[in-house]
Amino acid sequence: MRKPLRRNPGPTISRIGGALIVLAGIWGAGLFRYADAIPTEVSEPRQNTDAIVVLTGGTGRLDEGLRLLERGRARRLFVSGVYKGGDIRNLLEAYRRNPEDLDCCISIGHAEDTIGNASETRDWVRQNGIESVRLVTSAYHMPRSILEFENAMPDVIVFPHPVFPAHVKQEDWWAWPGTTGLIVGEYNKFLMAWLRHRLIGLL
């Protein structure tokens, strides 16, 4: 009795390996393109808006938002990402600000991720008739934040206002392991967010 012929898996494995190499190349090229898209300065820093939106979770974000409010860049400040139970007065006191002067103009949220930041900010701007916001977050986080915000509220003008934490070495980022890991992680999250919005758009 003849033994059944077995397929040689070699060509299939080669094709899979080739496809993985191509995908890795596309991913790597996209990573460098993403890194180049991270802002290196604040564009239109003197442009006033209806509100300032601060996404908490990174160094210097809230302090910058309060500074912009004090300088009159907007009349309202929305702090998105403060956990439930956060108190504005305690928040301001922790940043050595005068609660009596500022707490009338500040609202806080409780989002736990960037998707939540965008959705709760969308609800807040609709309730308050806001048409333009200055978005304050870390520079490395800005591309994904803009993606989520523009999809959540396409009728609102969003001015990016990046903050530049000292520990993030944007220049020659590939030479700094900590910064490399941070940017790679943000890039992967950006890809997932972009894919999610593309799929939603097809439905």
N, C-alpha and C. Protein backbone atom coordinates (compact mmCIF):
# COMPACT_ATOMS: atom_id res chain seq x y z
N MET A 1 0.84 -1.18 0.00
CA MET A 1 0.00 0.00 0.00
C MET A 1 0.88 1.25 0.00
N ARG A 2 0.53 2.16 -0.88
CA ARG A 2 1.33 3.37 -0.98
C ARG A 2 1.02 4.34 0.18
N LYS A 3 2.05 4.95 0.69
CA LYS A 3 1.88 5.95 1.74
C LYS A 3 1.39 7.26 1.09
N PRO A 4 0.45 7.95 1.74
CA PRO A 4 -0.03 9.22 1.18
C PRO A 4 1.09 10.24 1.13
N LEU A 5 1.09 11.02 0.05
CA LEU A 5 2.12 12.04 -0.11
C LEU A 5 1.92 13.15 0.91
N ARG A 6 2.98 13.58 1.52
CA ARG A 6 2.93 14.68 2.48
C ARG A 6 3.38 15.98 1.82
N ARG A 7 2.65 17.04 2.14
CA ARG A 7 3.02 18.33 1.59
C ARG A 7 4.28 18.85 2.26
N ASN A 8 5.08 19.50 1.47
CA ASN A 8 6.29 20.13 2.00
C ASN A 8 5.90 21.48 2.59
N PRO A 9 6.03 21.65 3.91
CA PRO A 9 5.59 22.91 4.52
C PRO A 9 6.53 24.07 4.23
N GLY A 10 7.67 23.78 3.60
CA GLY A 10 8.67 24.82 3.37
C GLY A 10 8.16 26.07 2.70
N PRO A 11 7.50 25.98 1.51
CA PRO A 11 7.01 27.18 0.84
C PRO A 11 6.03 27.99 1.66
N THR A 12 5.14 27.30 2.40
CA THR A 12 4.16 28.01 3.22
C THR A 12 4.85 28.80 4.33
N ILE A 13 5.81 28.15 4.99
CA ILE A 13 6.55 28.82 6.06
C ILE A 13 7.31 30.01 5.51
N SER A 14 7.88 29.84 4.33
CA SER A 14 8.63 30.94 3.71
C SER A 14 7.72 32.13 3.43
N ARG A 15 6.51 31.84 2.94
CA ARG A 15 5.58 32.93 2.65
C ARG A 15 5.16 33.65 3.92
N ILE A 16 4.90 32.87 4.97
CA ILE A 16 4.53 33.48 6.25
C ILE A 16 5.66 34.34 6.79
N GLY A 17 6.89 33.79 6.70
CA GLY A 17 8.05 34.54 7.17
C GLY A 17 8.24 35.82 6.38
N GLY A 18 8.04 35.74 5.05
CA GLY A 18 8.17 36.93 4.22
C GLY A 18 7.13 37.98 4.56
N ALA A 19 5.90 37.51 4.81
CA ALA A 19 4.82 38.44 5.16
C ALA A 19 5.11 39.13 6.49
N LEU A 20 5.65 38.36 7.46
CA LEU A 20 5.97 38.95 8.76
C LEU A 20 7.07 39.99 8.63
N ILE A 21 8.04 39.72 7.78
CA ILE A 21 9.13 40.69 7.57
C ILE A 21 8.59 41.98 6.96
N VAL A 22 7.68 41.83 5.97
CA VAL A 22 7.08 43.01 5.35
C VAL A 22 6.28 43.81 6.38
N LEU A 23 5.48 43.10 7.20
CA LEU A 23 4.68 43.78 8.22
C LEU A 23 5.57 44.49 9.24
N ALA A 24 6.66 43.83 9.61
CA ALA A 24 7.58 44.45 10.56
C ALA A 24 8.19 45.71 9.97
N GLY A 25 8.51 45.66 8.67
CA GLY A 25 9.06 46.84 8.01
C GLY A 25 8.07 47.99 7.97
N ILE A 26 6.80 47.67 7.67
CA ILE A 26 5.76 48.70 7.64
C ILE A 26 5.56 49.28 9.04
N TRP A 27 5.54 48.40 10.05
CA TRP A 27 5.37 48.85 11.44
C TRP A 27 6.52 49.78 11.83
N GLY A 28 7.76 49.38 11.49
CA GLY A 28 8.92 50.19 11.85
C GLY A 28 8.92 51.54 11.17
N ALA A 29 8.56 51.57 9.89
CA ALA A 29 8.48 52.85 9.17
C ALA A 29 7.41 53.74 9.80
N GLY A 30 6.28 53.12 10.17
CA GLY A 30 5.21 53.87 10.81
C GLY A 30 5.64 54.43 12.15
N LEU A 31 6.45 53.68 12.89
CA LEU A 31 6.93 54.14 14.19
C LEU A 31 7.73 55.43 14.06
N PHE A 32 8.64 55.46 13.08
CA PHE A 32 9.46 56.66 12.91
C PHE A 32 8.60 57.83 12.41
N ARG A 33 7.62 57.51 11.59
CA ARG A 33 6.71 58.57 11.14
C ARG A 33 5.90 59.11 12.30
N TYR A 34 5.46 58.22 13.19
CA TYR A 34 4.71 58.64 14.37
C TYR A 34 5.59 59.52 15.26
N ALA A 35 6.84 59.10 15.47
CA ALA A 35 7.75 59.87 16.33
C ALA A 35 7.97 61.27 15.75
N ASP A 36 8.05 61.37 14.43
CA ASP A 36 8.23 62.68 13.80
C ASP A 36 6.99 63.56 13.95
N ALA A 37 5.83 62.91 14.13
CA ALA A 37 4.58 63.67 14.26
C ALA A 37 4.36 64.20 15.68
N ILE A 38 5.14 63.75 16.64
CA ILE A 38 5.02 64.24 18.01
C ILE A 38 5.45 65.70 18.03
N PRO A 39 4.60 66.60 18.52
CA PRO A 39 4.95 68.03 18.48
C PRO A 39 6.18 68.35 19.32
N THR A 40 6.93 69.33 18.85
CA THR A 40 8.13 69.77 19.56
C THR A 40 7.97 71.19 20.13
N GLU A 41 6.83 71.81 19.84
CA GLU A 41 6.55 73.15 20.37
C GLU A 41 5.05 73.38 20.39
N VAL A 42 4.66 74.42 21.08
CA VAL A 42 3.24 74.78 21.14
C VAL A 42 2.93 75.67 19.94
N SER A 43 2.00 75.25 19.11
CA SER A 43 1.58 76.09 17.99
C SER A 43 0.45 77.01 18.43
N GLU A 44 0.45 78.22 17.94
CA GLU A 44 -0.56 79.22 18.26
C GLU A 44 -0.76 79.37 19.77
N PRO A 45 0.32 79.64 20.51
CA PRO A 45 0.21 79.72 21.98
C PRO A 45 -0.64 80.87 22.49
N ARG A 46 -0.87 81.89 21.67
CA ARG A 46 -1.63 83.06 22.12
C ARG A 46 -3.09 83.02 21.70
N GLN A 47 -3.48 81.97 21.02
CA GLN A 47 -4.86 81.83 20.57
C GLN A 47 -5.79 81.54 21.76
N ASN A 48 -6.76 82.40 21.97
CA ASN A 48 -7.74 82.15 23.03
C ASN A 48 -8.79 81.15 22.55
N THR A 49 -9.33 80.38 23.48
CA THR A 49 -10.37 79.40 23.17
C THR A 49 -11.50 79.53 24.20
N ASP A 50 -12.58 78.83 23.94
CA ASP A 50 -13.69 78.86 24.89
C ASP A 50 -13.33 78.14 26.19
N ALA A 51 -12.49 77.13 26.09
CA ALA A 51 -12.14 76.34 27.28
C ALA A 51 -10.76 75.71 27.12
N ILE A 52 -10.21 75.34 28.25
CA ILE A 52 -8.96 74.57 28.31
C ILE A 52 -9.31 73.20 28.84
N VAL A 53 -8.78 72.17 28.21
CA VAL A 53 -9.01 70.80 28.66
C VAL A 53 -7.68 70.17 29.00
N VAL A 54 -7.53 69.71 30.23
CA VAL A 54 -6.30 69.06 30.69
C VAL A 54 -6.57 67.57 30.88
N LEU A 55 -5.73 66.75 30.26
CA LEU A 55 -5.80 65.31 30.48
C LEU A 55 -4.79 64.95 31.55
N THR A 56 -5.25 64.50 32.70
CA THR A 56 -4.33 64.19 33.79
C THR A 56 -3.59 62.89 33.52
N GLY A 57 -2.52 62.67 34.27
CA GLY A 57 -1.78 61.44 34.13
C GLY A 57 -0.32 61.63 33.79
N GLY A 58 0.09 62.87 33.54
CA GLY A 58 1.48 63.13 33.20
C GLY A 58 2.00 64.36 33.92
N THR A 59 3.32 64.47 34.00
CA THR A 59 3.97 65.55 34.72
C THR A 59 3.70 66.90 34.06
N GLY A 60 3.31 67.88 34.86
CA GLY A 60 3.20 69.26 34.40
C GLY A 60 1.92 69.62 33.67
N ARG A 61 1.03 68.67 33.42
CA ARG A 61 -0.16 68.97 32.63
C ARG A 61 -1.12 69.91 33.36
N LEU A 62 -1.47 69.55 34.59
CA LEU A 62 -2.43 70.35 35.34
C LEU A 62 -1.85 71.73 35.64
N ASP A 63 -0.59 71.79 36.00
CA ASP A 63 0.04 73.07 36.30
C ASP A 63 -0.01 73.99 35.08
N GLU A 64 0.22 73.43 33.89
CA GLU A 64 0.17 74.22 32.67
C GLU A 64 -1.26 74.69 32.39
N GLY A 65 -2.24 73.83 32.60
CA GLY A 65 -3.62 74.21 32.40
C GLY A 65 -4.04 75.35 33.31
N LEU A 66 -3.64 75.29 34.57
CA LEU A 66 -3.96 76.36 35.52
C LEU A 66 -3.26 77.66 35.14
N ARG A 67 -2.03 77.54 34.66
CA ARG A 67 -1.29 78.73 34.23
C ARG A 67 -2.00 79.41 33.06
N LEU A 68 -2.46 78.60 32.10
CA LEU A 68 -3.18 79.15 30.95
C LEU A 68 -4.48 79.83 31.37
N LEU A 69 -5.17 79.23 32.34
CA LEU A 69 -6.41 79.81 32.84
C LEU A 69 -6.13 81.16 33.51
N GLU A 70 -5.09 81.23 34.30
CA GLU A 70 -4.73 82.47 34.98
C GLU A 70 -4.35 83.57 34.00
N ARG A 71 -3.78 83.16 32.86
CA ARG A 71 -3.37 84.14 31.85
C ARG A 71 -4.52 84.55 30.93
N GLY A 72 -5.68 83.99 31.16
CA GLY A 72 -6.85 84.40 30.39
C GLY A 72 -6.96 83.80 29.01
N ARG A 73 -6.32 82.65 28.79
CA ARG A 73 -6.41 82.00 27.49
C ARG A 73 -7.80 81.37 27.27
N ALA A 74 -8.55 81.20 28.34
CA ALA A 74 -9.93 80.72 28.28
C ALA A 74 -10.60 81.05 29.61
N ARG A 75 -11.93 80.99 29.62
CA ARG A 75 -12.66 81.29 30.84
C ARG A 75 -13.00 80.05 31.65
N ARG A 76 -12.89 78.89 31.03
CA ARG A 76 -13.26 77.64 31.70
C ARG A 76 -12.12 76.64 31.57
N LEU A 77 -12.02 75.76 32.56
CA LEU A 77 -11.03 74.68 32.54
C LEU A 77 -11.72 73.37 32.91
N PHE A 78 -11.53 72.37 32.07
CA PHE A 78 -12.07 71.04 32.37
C PHE A 78 -10.89 70.09 32.56
N VAL A 79 -10.82 69.49 33.74
CA VAL A 79 -9.75 68.55 34.07
C VAL A 79 -10.31 67.15 33.90
N SER A 80 -9.89 66.46 32.86
CA SER A 80 -10.43 65.13 32.55
C SER A 80 -9.46 64.05 33.03
N GLY A 81 -10.01 63.08 33.73
CA GLY A 81 -9.17 61.97 34.18
C GLY A 81 -8.97 61.93 35.67
N VAL A 82 -9.55 62.90 36.41
CA VAL A 82 -9.46 62.85 37.86
C VAL A 82 -10.37 61.73 38.35
N TYR A 83 -9.86 60.87 39.20
CA TYR A 83 -10.65 59.73 39.66
C TYR A 83 -11.86 60.19 40.47
N LYS A 84 -12.87 59.34 40.51
CA LYS A 84 -14.09 59.65 41.24
C LYS A 84 -13.75 60.02 42.69
N GLY A 85 -14.38 61.06 43.16
CA GLY A 85 -14.12 61.52 44.51
C GLY A 85 -13.10 62.63 44.56
N GLY A 86 -12.49 62.96 43.38
CA GLY A 86 -11.53 64.05 43.36
C GLY A 86 -12.22 65.36 43.69
N ASP A 87 -11.59 66.19 44.50
CA ASP A 87 -12.18 67.45 44.93
C ASP A 87 -11.37 68.61 44.35
N ILE A 88 -12.06 69.55 43.72
CA ILE A 88 -11.37 70.67 43.08
C ILE A 88 -10.54 71.46 44.08
N ARG A 89 -11.11 71.73 45.25
CA ARG A 89 -10.41 72.54 46.24
C ARG A 89 -9.11 71.84 46.67
N ASN A 90 -9.18 70.55 46.96
CA ASN A 90 -7.96 69.83 47.35
C ASN A 90 -6.96 69.80 46.20
N LEU A 91 -7.48 69.67 44.98
CA LEU A 91 -6.63 69.64 43.80
C LEU A 91 -5.86 70.95 43.67
N LEU A 92 -6.57 72.06 43.81
CA LEU A 92 -5.93 73.36 43.69
C LEU A 92 -4.95 73.62 44.83
N GLU A 93 -5.32 73.21 46.03
CA GLU A 93 -4.43 73.41 47.17
C GLU A 93 -3.14 72.61 47.00
N ALA A 94 -3.27 71.41 46.41
CA ALA A 94 -2.09 70.59 46.17
C ALA A 94 -1.14 71.28 45.20
N TYR A 95 -1.69 72.09 44.30
CA TYR A 95 -0.87 72.82 43.34
C TYR A 95 -0.59 74.25 43.80
N ARG A 96 -0.88 74.53 45.07
CA ARG A 96 -0.60 75.81 45.69
C ARG A 96 -1.27 76.97 44.95
N ARG A 97 -2.50 76.74 44.52
CA ARG A 97 -3.29 77.79 43.88
C ARG A 97 -4.37 78.25 44.85
N ASN A 98 -4.98 79.37 44.55
CA ASN A 98 -6.03 79.92 45.39
C ASN A 98 -7.39 79.37 44.96
N PRO A 99 -7.96 78.44 45.72
CA PRO A 99 -9.25 77.86 45.34
C PRO A 99 -10.36 78.89 45.21
N GLU A 100 -10.31 79.97 46.01
CA GLU A 100 -11.36 80.97 45.97
C GLU A 100 -11.40 81.69 44.63
N ASP A 101 -10.25 81.83 43.99
CA ASP A 101 -10.18 82.54 42.71
C ASP A 101 -10.51 81.64 41.52
N LEU A 102 -10.25 80.34 41.64
CA LEU A 102 -10.30 79.49 40.46
C LEU A 102 -11.40 78.43 40.44
N ASP A 103 -11.90 78.00 41.60
CA ASP A 103 -12.80 76.85 41.57
C ASP A 103 -14.15 77.16 40.90
N CYS A 104 -14.47 78.44 40.73
CA CYS A 104 -15.71 78.78 40.02
C CYS A 104 -15.61 78.47 38.54
N CYS A 105 -14.40 78.35 38.03
CA CYS A 105 -14.18 78.21 36.58
C CYS A 105 -13.71 76.82 36.19
N ILE A 106 -13.61 75.91 37.15
CA ILE A 106 -13.00 74.61 36.89
C ILE A 106 -14.01 73.49 37.12
N SER A 107 -14.01 72.53 36.20
CA SER A 107 -14.82 71.32 36.36
C SER A 107 -13.88 70.12 36.25
N ILE A 108 -14.27 69.02 36.88
CA ILE A 108 -13.41 67.84 36.82
C ILE A 108 -14.20 66.63 36.34
N GLY A 109 -13.48 65.69 35.74
CA GLY A 109 -14.09 64.45 35.26
C GLY A 109 -13.52 63.26 36.00
N HIS A 110 -13.76 62.08 35.47
CA HIS A 110 -13.30 60.87 36.16
C HIS A 110 -12.86 59.79 35.18
N ALA A 111 -12.53 60.15 33.95
CA ALA A 111 -12.14 59.17 32.94
C ALA A 111 -10.88 58.42 33.34
N GLU A 112 -10.78 57.18 32.89
CA GLU A 112 -9.62 56.36 33.23
C GLU A 112 -8.72 56.06 32.03
N ASP A 113 -9.11 56.50 30.84
CA ASP A 113 -8.27 56.31 29.67
C ASP A 113 -8.57 57.41 28.65
N THR A 114 -7.84 57.40 27.53
CA THR A 114 -7.98 58.47 26.55
C THR A 114 -9.34 58.45 25.87
N ILE A 115 -9.90 57.27 25.64
CA ILE A 115 -11.25 57.18 25.08
C ILE A 115 -12.24 57.86 26.02
N GLY A 116 -12.11 57.58 27.31
CA GLY A 116 -12.97 58.20 28.30
C GLY A 116 -12.77 59.70 28.37
N ASN A 117 -11.50 60.16 28.24
CA ASN A 117 -11.22 61.60 28.22
C ASN A 117 -12.04 62.28 27.13
N ALA A 118 -12.00 61.69 25.93
CA ALA A 118 -12.70 62.30 24.79
C ALA A 118 -14.21 62.28 24.99
N SER A 119 -14.76 61.18 25.48
CA SER A 119 -16.22 61.07 25.61
C SER A 119 -16.75 61.98 26.71
N GLU A 120 -16.06 62.07 27.86
CA GLU A 120 -16.59 62.93 28.91
C GLU A 120 -16.36 64.41 28.58
N THR A 121 -15.31 64.71 27.83
CA THR A 121 -15.11 66.09 27.39
C THR A 121 -16.18 66.47 26.38
N ARG A 122 -16.53 65.55 25.47
CA ARG A 122 -17.60 65.79 24.51
C ARG A 122 -18.89 66.14 25.23
N ASP A 123 -19.24 65.40 26.27
CA ASP A 123 -20.47 65.66 27.02
C ASP A 123 -20.40 67.04 27.70
N TRP A 124 -19.22 67.36 28.25
CA TRP A 124 -19.05 68.63 28.96
C TRP A 124 -19.16 69.82 28.01
N VAL A 125 -18.51 69.75 26.84
CA VAL A 125 -18.56 70.88 25.91
C VAL A 125 -19.98 71.09 25.37
N ARG A 126 -20.72 70.00 25.19
CA ARG A 126 -22.09 70.13 24.71
C ARG A 126 -22.98 70.80 25.76
N GLN A 127 -22.75 70.44 27.02
CA GLN A 127 -23.55 71.01 28.10
C GLN A 127 -23.26 72.50 28.30
N ASN A 128 -22.05 72.93 27.94
CA ASN A 128 -21.62 74.30 28.21
C ASN A 128 -21.49 75.16 26.95
N GLY A 129 -21.91 74.64 25.81
CA GLY A 129 -21.88 75.43 24.59
C GLY A 129 -20.48 75.81 24.14
N ILE A 130 -19.53 74.91 24.35
CA ILE A 130 -18.13 75.17 24.00
C ILE A 130 -17.89 74.84 22.53
N GLU A 131 -17.24 75.76 21.82
CA GLU A 131 -16.97 75.54 20.39
C GLU A 131 -15.49 75.36 20.08
N SER A 132 -14.63 75.72 21.02
CA SER A 132 -13.18 75.55 20.80
C SER A 132 -12.50 75.24 22.13
N VAL A 133 -11.50 74.36 22.09
CA VAL A 133 -10.77 73.99 23.30
C VAL A 133 -9.28 73.97 23.03
N ARG A 134 -8.51 74.27 24.06
CA ARG A 134 -7.06 74.09 24.03
C ARG A 134 -6.77 72.81 24.81
N LEU A 135 -6.24 71.82 24.12
CA LEU A 135 -6.03 70.50 24.71
C LEU A 135 -4.62 70.38 25.27
N VAL A 136 -4.52 70.19 26.58
CA VAL A 136 -3.23 70.11 27.26
C VAL A 136 -2.96 68.66 27.66
N THR A 137 -1.90 68.11 27.10
CA THR A 137 -1.43 66.78 27.49
C THR A 137 0.04 66.66 27.09
N SER A 138 0.68 65.58 27.47
CA SER A 138 2.10 65.39 27.13
C SER A 138 2.26 65.28 25.62
N ALA A 139 3.38 65.75 25.10
CA ALA A 139 3.62 65.76 23.66
C ALA A 139 3.49 64.36 23.06
N TYR A 140 4.07 63.34 23.74
CA TYR A 140 4.04 61.98 23.20
C TYR A 140 2.62 61.41 23.16
N HIS A 141 1.73 61.97 23.97
CA HIS A 141 0.35 61.51 24.06
C HIS A 141 -0.58 62.29 23.11
N MET A 142 -0.06 63.37 22.53
CA MET A 142 -0.90 64.28 21.76
C MET A 142 -1.49 63.65 20.49
N PRO A 143 -0.72 62.92 19.66
CA PRO A 143 -1.32 62.37 18.43
C PRO A 143 -2.54 61.50 18.69
N ARG A 144 -2.47 60.63 19.68
CA ARG A 144 -3.62 59.76 19.99
C ARG A 144 -4.77 60.56 20.59
N SER A 145 -4.43 61.55 21.41
CA SER A 145 -5.47 62.38 22.01
C SER A 145 -6.24 63.15 20.94
N ILE A 146 -5.51 63.74 19.98
CA ILE A 146 -6.15 64.48 18.90
C ILE A 146 -7.04 63.55 18.08
N LEU A 147 -6.56 62.34 17.81
CA LEU A 147 -7.35 61.36 17.06
C LEU A 147 -8.67 61.08 17.77
N GLU A 148 -8.63 60.82 19.07
CA GLU A 148 -9.84 60.51 19.82
C GLU A 148 -10.76 61.72 19.92
N PHE A 149 -10.19 62.90 20.16
CA PHE A 149 -11.01 64.10 20.34
C PHE A 149 -11.69 64.51 19.04
N GLU A 150 -10.97 64.46 17.93
CA GLU A 150 -11.56 64.86 16.66
C GLU A 150 -12.65 63.90 16.22
N ASN A 151 -12.52 62.63 16.58
CA ASN A 151 -13.57 61.67 16.26
C ASN A 151 -14.77 61.82 17.19
N ALA A 152 -14.52 62.19 18.44
CA ALA A 152 -15.61 62.32 19.41
C ALA A 152 -16.40 63.60 19.22
N MET A 153 -15.72 64.67 18.79
CA MET A 153 -16.39 65.97 18.66
C MET A 153 -15.89 66.70 17.42
N PRO A 154 -16.28 66.23 16.23
CA PRO A 154 -15.79 66.82 14.98
C PRO A 154 -16.20 68.27 14.78
N ASP A 155 -17.22 68.72 15.52
CA ASP A 155 -17.69 70.10 15.36
C ASP A 155 -17.00 71.08 16.30
N VAL A 156 -16.04 70.61 17.10
CA VAL A 156 -15.32 71.46 18.04
C VAL A 156 -13.89 71.66 17.53
N ILE A 157 -13.41 72.91 17.57
CA ILE A 157 -12.04 73.20 17.15
C ILE A 157 -11.11 72.86 18.31
N VAL A 158 -10.10 72.04 18.03
CA VAL A 158 -9.16 71.60 19.07
C VAL A 158 -7.77 72.14 18.75
N PHE A 159 -7.23 72.94 19.68
CA PHE A 159 -5.87 73.45 19.56
C PHE A 159 -4.96 72.62 20.46
N PRO A 160 -4.00 71.90 19.90
CA PRO A 160 -3.10 71.11 20.74
C PRO A 160 -2.13 71.99 21.52
N HIS A 161 -1.96 71.67 22.79
CA HIS A 161 -1.02 72.41 23.64
C HIS A 161 -0.17 71.37 24.38
N PRO A 162 0.90 70.91 23.74
CA PRO A 162 1.71 69.85 24.36
C PRO A 162 2.54 70.33 25.54
N VAL A 163 2.74 69.43 26.47
CA VAL A 163 3.63 69.63 27.61
C VAL A 163 4.82 68.69 27.41
N PHE A 164 6.01 69.15 27.78
CA PHE A 164 7.23 68.39 27.51
C PHE A 164 7.91 67.96 28.81
N PRO A 165 7.55 66.77 29.33
CA PRO A 165 8.17 66.29 30.57
C PRO A 165 9.68 66.13 30.39
N ALA A 166 10.43 66.49 31.44
CA ALA A 166 11.89 66.46 31.35
C ALA A 166 12.43 65.05 31.15
N HIS A 167 11.72 64.04 31.65
CA HIS A 167 12.24 62.67 31.56
C HIS A 167 12.03 62.04 30.18
N VAL A 168 11.27 62.71 29.31
CA VAL A 168 11.04 62.19 27.96
C VAL A 168 12.00 62.88 27.00
N LYS A 169 12.92 62.13 26.43
CA LYS A 169 13.95 62.68 25.54
C LYS A 169 13.49 62.54 24.09
N GLN A 170 12.76 63.53 23.61
CA GLN A 170 12.20 63.42 22.26
C GLN A 170 13.28 63.44 21.18
N GLU A 171 14.30 64.26 21.39
CA GLU A 171 15.39 64.29 20.42
C GLU A 171 16.24 63.03 20.58
N ASP A 172 16.51 62.36 19.48
CA ASP A 172 17.25 61.08 19.53
C ASP A 172 16.56 60.10 20.47
N TRP A 173 15.24 60.00 20.34
CA TRP A 173 14.46 59.17 21.26
C TRP A 173 14.87 57.71 21.24
N TRP A 174 15.37 57.23 20.07
CA TRP A 174 15.76 55.82 19.95
C TRP A 174 16.99 55.47 20.79
N ALA A 175 17.72 56.48 21.23
CA ALA A 175 18.93 56.25 22.02
C ALA A 175 18.64 56.16 23.52
N TRP A 176 17.40 56.42 23.89
CA TRP A 176 17.01 56.41 25.31
C TRP A 176 15.99 55.31 25.53
N PRO A 177 16.36 54.22 26.20
CA PRO A 177 15.46 53.06 26.35
C PRO A 177 14.10 53.41 26.95
N GLY A 178 14.09 54.26 27.97
CA GLY A 178 12.83 54.62 28.60
C GLY A 178 11.91 55.36 27.64
N THR A 179 12.46 56.32 26.92
CA THR A 179 11.67 57.08 25.95
C THR A 179 11.25 56.20 24.78
N THR A 180 12.16 55.32 24.35
CA THR A 180 11.83 54.40 23.26
C THR A 180 10.63 53.54 23.61
N GLY A 181 10.65 52.97 24.81
CA GLY A 181 9.53 52.14 25.26
C GLY A 181 8.24 52.92 25.34
N LEU A 182 8.33 54.17 25.80
CA LEU A 182 7.15 55.02 25.93
C LEU A 182 6.54 55.31 24.56
N ILE A 183 7.38 55.68 23.60
CA ILE A 183 6.90 56.03 22.27
C ILE A 183 6.38 54.81 21.53
N VAL A 184 7.06 53.67 21.68
CA VAL A 184 6.58 52.44 21.05
C VAL A 184 5.20 52.07 21.60
N GLY A 185 5.03 52.18 22.91
CA GLY A 185 3.74 51.88 23.53
C GLY A 185 2.65 52.81 23.03
N GLU A 186 2.96 54.10 22.93
CA GLU A 186 1.97 55.07 22.44
C GLU A 186 1.65 54.83 20.97
N TYR A 187 2.66 54.46 20.20
CA TYR A 187 2.45 54.18 18.78
C TYR A 187 1.51 52.99 18.60
N ASN A 188 1.73 51.94 19.37
CA ASN A 188 0.84 50.77 19.28
C ASN A 188 -0.59 51.12 19.68
N LYS A 189 -0.74 51.94 20.71
CA LYS A 189 -2.08 52.37 21.12
C LYS A 189 -2.73 53.24 20.05
N PHE A 190 -1.91 54.07 19.41
CA PHE A 190 -2.42 54.92 18.33
C PHE A 190 -2.93 54.05 17.18
N LEU A 191 -2.16 53.02 16.82
CA LEU A 191 -2.57 52.12 15.74
C LEU A 191 -3.90 51.44 16.07
N MET A 192 -4.04 50.98 17.31
CA MET A 192 -5.28 50.33 17.71
C MET A 192 -6.45 51.31 17.66
N ALA A 193 -6.22 52.54 18.10
CA ALA A 193 -7.28 53.55 18.06
C ALA A 193 -7.66 53.89 16.62
N TRP A 194 -6.65 54.03 15.76
CA TRP A 194 -6.91 54.34 14.35
C TRP A 194 -7.71 53.21 13.70
N LEU A 195 -7.31 51.97 13.97
CA LEU A 195 -8.01 50.82 13.40
C LEU A 195 -9.44 50.76 13.91
N ARG A 196 -9.64 51.03 15.19
CA ARG A 196 -10.99 51.01 15.77
C ARG A 196 -11.90 52.03 15.08
N HIS A 197 -11.39 53.23 14.87
CA HIS A 197 -12.20 54.27 14.22
C HIS A 197 -12.47 53.91 12.75
N ARG A 198 -11.50 53.31 12.10
CA ARG A 198 -11.71 52.89 10.70
C ARG A 198 -12.81 51.84 10.61
N LEU A 199 -12.77 50.87 11.53
CA LEU A 199 -13.79 49.81 11.53
C LEU A 199 -15.17 50.38 11.85
N ILE A 200 -15.22 51.32 12.80
CA ILE A 200 -16.50 51.94 13.14
C ILE A 200 -17.05 52.70 11.93
N GLY A 201 -16.15 53.33 11.19
CA GLY A 201 -16.57 54.08 10.02
C GLY A 201 -17.12 53.20 8.91
N LEU A 202 -16.72 51.92 8.90
CA LEU A 202 -17.18 51.00 7.87
C LEU A 202 -18.53 50.38 8.21
N LEU A 203 -18.91 50.44 9.49
CA LEU A 203 -20.16 49.82 9.92
C LEU A 203 -21.38 50.69 9.58
